[in-house]
Protein backbone atom coordinates (compact mmCIF):
# COMPACT_ATOMS: atom_id res chain seq x y z
CA MET A 1 20.43 -32.05 22.46
CA GLU A 2 20.50 -35.20 20.33
CA ASP A 3 21.42 -35.21 16.65
CA ASP A 4 18.03 -36.48 15.52
CA THR A 5 16.07 -33.79 17.40
CA LEU A 6 15.43 -30.43 15.75
CA ARG A 7 14.17 -27.36 17.57
CA LEU A 8 12.11 -25.00 15.46
CA GLY A 9 11.34 -21.45 16.58
CA ALA A 10 8.26 -19.67 15.28
CA ARG A 11 6.00 -16.77 16.13
CA LEU A 12 2.65 -17.50 17.66
CA ILE A 13 -0.09 -16.53 15.22
CA THR A 14 -3.74 -16.69 16.18
CA SER A 15 -6.38 -16.97 13.43
CA GLY A 16 -4.24 -15.29 10.78
CA PHE A 17 -3.36 -12.21 12.85
CA PRO A 18 -0.08 -11.91 14.74
CA ILE A 19 -0.15 -11.10 18.42
CA ARG A 20 0.75 -7.50 19.17
CA PRO A 21 4.51 -6.90 19.52
CA LYS A 22 4.21 -6.20 23.27
CA THR A 23 2.73 -9.63 23.86
CA LEU A 24 4.59 -11.46 21.10
CA SER A 25 6.03 -14.66 22.43
CA SER A 26 8.16 -17.29 20.80
CA PHE A 27 7.70 -20.97 21.28
CA SER A 28 9.85 -23.92 20.41
CA VAL A 29 8.80 -27.21 18.93
CA SER A 30 10.90 -30.31 19.43
CA VAL A 31 10.57 -32.72 16.56
CA SER A 32 12.30 -36.06 16.28
CA LEU A 33 13.31 -36.48 12.62
CA PRO A 34 15.74 -38.54 10.59
CA HIS A 35 18.70 -36.58 9.16
CA SER A 36 17.22 -36.47 5.64
CA ALA A 37 14.09 -34.69 6.88
CA VAL A 38 15.95 -31.96 8.79
CA ALA A 39 16.29 -29.66 5.74
CA ALA A 40 12.59 -30.01 4.92
CA ALA A 41 11.63 -29.12 8.49
CA VAL A 42 13.80 -26.01 8.43
CA LEU A 43 12.14 -24.86 5.20
CA CYS A 44 8.70 -25.44 6.68
CA SER A 45 9.56 -23.41 9.77
CA GLU A 46 10.00 -20.29 7.63
CA HIS A 47 6.37 -20.50 6.54
CA LEU A 48 5.23 -20.05 10.14
CA ASP A 49 6.47 -16.44 10.17
CA PHE A 50 3.71 -14.86 8.06
CA VAL A 51 2.76 -11.46 9.44
CA ARG A 52 -0.23 -9.57 8.09
CA MET A 53 0.31 -5.98 6.91
CA VAL A 54 -0.99 -3.25 9.21
CA ARG A 55 -3.28 -0.75 7.50
CA VAL A 56 -2.24 2.76 8.35
CA SER A 57 -4.03 4.58 5.55
CA VAL A 58 -6.28 3.00 2.92
CA LEU A 59 -5.19 5.55 0.32
CA ASN A 60 -1.51 5.07 1.12
CA ASP A 61 -1.86 1.29 0.84
CA ALA A 62 -3.61 1.67 -2.53
CA LEU A 63 -0.91 3.97 -3.90
CA LYS A 64 1.90 1.75 -2.62
CA SER A 65 0.36 -1.36 -4.19
CA MET A 66 0.04 0.50 -7.53
CA TYR A 67 3.62 1.74 -7.29
CA ASN A 68 4.97 -1.72 -6.41
CA ALA A 69 3.03 -3.35 -9.27
CA GLU A 70 4.32 -0.68 -11.65
CA LYS A 71 7.92 -1.33 -10.58
CA ARG A 72 7.45 -5.07 -11.14
CA GLY A 73 6.14 -4.45 -14.66
CA LYS A 74 2.57 -5.61 -14.01
CA ARG A 75 -0.17 -4.48 -16.38
CA GLN A 76 -2.92 -4.34 -13.74
CA VAL A 77 -3.31 -4.31 -9.99
CA MET A 78 -6.19 -5.07 -7.65
CA ILE A 79 -6.76 -2.63 -4.80
CA ARG A 80 -8.81 -3.57 -1.77
CA PRO A 81 -10.49 -2.25 0.24
CA SER A 82 -11.93 0.51 -1.90
CA SER A 83 -13.27 3.88 -0.86
CA LYS A 84 -14.74 6.99 -2.45
CA VAL A 85 -11.48 8.85 -1.84
CA ILE A 86 -9.48 6.21 -3.72
CA ILE A 87 -11.93 6.30 -6.65
CA LYS A 88 -11.77 10.12 -6.89
CA PHE A 89 -7.98 9.97 -6.60
CA LEU A 90 -7.83 7.40 -9.43
CA MET A 91 -10.05 9.63 -11.57
CA VAL A 92 -7.53 12.47 -11.20
CA MET A 93 -4.66 10.12 -12.06
CA GLN A 94 -6.57 8.81 -15.08
CA LYS A 95 -7.34 12.34 -16.27
CA HIS A 96 -3.62 13.11 -16.37
CA GLY A 97 -2.73 9.80 -18.04
CA TYR A 98 -0.81 8.14 -15.21
CA ILE A 99 -3.10 5.09 -15.21
CA GLY A 100 -5.45 3.50 -17.73
CA GLU A 101 -9.00 2.37 -17.09
CA PHE A 102 -10.12 1.19 -13.67
CA GLU A 103 -13.15 -0.81 -12.60
CA TYR A 104 -14.94 -1.08 -9.27
CA VAL A 105 -15.86 -4.68 -8.38
CA ASP A 106 -18.56 -5.03 -5.71
CA ASP A 107 -17.89 -8.14 -3.64
CA HIS A 108 -20.54 -7.32 -0.99
CA ARG A 109 -17.79 -6.52 1.50
CA SER A 110 -15.48 -3.56 1.18
CA GLY A 111 -15.18 -3.70 -2.62
CA LYS A 112 -12.23 -4.03 -4.98
CA ILE A 113 -10.81 -1.84 -7.71
CA VAL A 114 -8.93 -3.28 -10.70
CA VAL A 115 -6.58 -0.67 -12.20
CA GLU A 116 -4.92 -0.93 -15.61
CA LEU A 117 -1.33 0.35 -15.42
CA ASN A 118 0.34 1.97 -18.42
CA GLY A 119 3.94 2.39 -17.25
CA ARG A 120 3.85 6.15 -16.66
CA LEU A 121 3.77 6.09 -12.86
CA ASN A 122 7.16 7.06 -11.41
CA LYS A 123 6.40 7.80 -7.78
CA CYS A 124 3.28 8.35 -5.75
CA GLY A 125 2.50 8.52 -2.07
CA VAL A 126 0.53 10.20 0.66
CA ILE A 127 1.81 13.24 2.51
CA SER A 128 1.49 12.26 6.14
CA PRO A 129 0.62 13.88 8.47
CA ARG A 130 -1.94 15.95 6.61
CA PHE A 131 -1.37 19.68 6.28
CA ASP A 132 -3.91 22.42 5.70
CA VAL A 133 -2.81 24.31 2.60
CA GLY A 134 -4.30 27.64 1.62
CA VAL A 135 -4.44 28.89 -1.96
CA LYS A 136 -1.40 31.11 -1.44
CA GLU A 137 0.57 28.21 0.07
CA ILE A 138 0.08 25.83 -2.89
CA GLU A 139 3.05 27.25 -4.84
CA PRO A 140 5.65 26.70 -2.07
CA TRP A 141 4.35 23.14 -1.54
CA THR A 142 4.66 22.34 -5.26
CA ALA A 143 8.20 23.75 -5.28
CA ARG A 144 9.08 21.60 -2.26
CA LEU A 145 7.46 18.32 -3.36
CA LEU A 146 7.63 18.18 -7.17
CA PRO A 147 10.86 17.70 -9.15
CA SER A 148 10.05 20.55 -11.59
CA ARG A 149 7.22 22.91 -12.48
CA GLN A 150 6.23 20.95 -15.59
CA PHE A 151 6.41 17.49 -14.04
CA GLY A 152 3.97 15.87 -11.59
CA TYR A 153 0.89 16.83 -9.64
CA ILE A 154 -0.13 17.26 -6.04
CA VAL A 155 -3.65 16.00 -5.40
CA LEU A 156 -5.58 17.96 -2.78
CA THR A 157 -8.74 17.14 -0.87
CA THR A 158 -10.70 20.39 -0.84
CA SER A 159 -14.19 21.51 0.06
CA ALA A 160 -14.90 21.53 -3.69
CA GLY A 161 -13.79 17.90 -4.10
CA ILE A 162 -10.54 16.07 -4.83
CA MET A 163 -8.44 17.80 -7.49
CA ASP A 164 -4.87 18.47 -8.54
CA HIS A 165 -2.99 21.59 -7.45
CA GLU A 166 -3.44 23.41 -10.77
CA GLU A 167 -7.23 23.00 -10.72
CA ALA A 168 -7.33 24.07 -7.06
CA ARG A 169 -5.42 27.23 -7.94
CA ARG A 170 -7.82 27.96 -10.86
CA LYS A 171 -10.87 27.45 -8.60
CA ASN A 172 -9.21 29.46 -5.82
CA VAL A 173 -9.64 26.77 -3.14
CA GLY A 174 -7.20 25.28 -0.67
CA GLY A 175 -7.15 21.87 0.89
């Protein structure tokens, strides 16, 4: 290979979405550049490796984006796409003071939610895979998942709606 030829490796990306890992192929580009342009070409090759995030769970993605924004010290975060489950979940979090106000923005697609963060969110996530929890099994789950009895909440999806574990115990419903 000559000194003035640079080979750049990049992933093949079609219309913004990467090809599935089974069919992922690499390609090389030979570019003839002067020595001063070699560093710029190497920097540009890194921008070819954008990979879009895979959505596993809409609720999990929403909670992770809130948690990451909270860690970075942001005052608000935009969640998209939105869903009724996310809105009900945010209402429970707002009731307990973990987040401030939130607003649903209809963009005629899947919708967006803008959430005001107040710095009280330590950790949040989705328990996956889902487990059916009866009323009598709520106490062992809280002992297993929460750091102490007075700190934190487990949010359950029940037949009576989405609520925290204390309200589910008062209403005598499982989730």
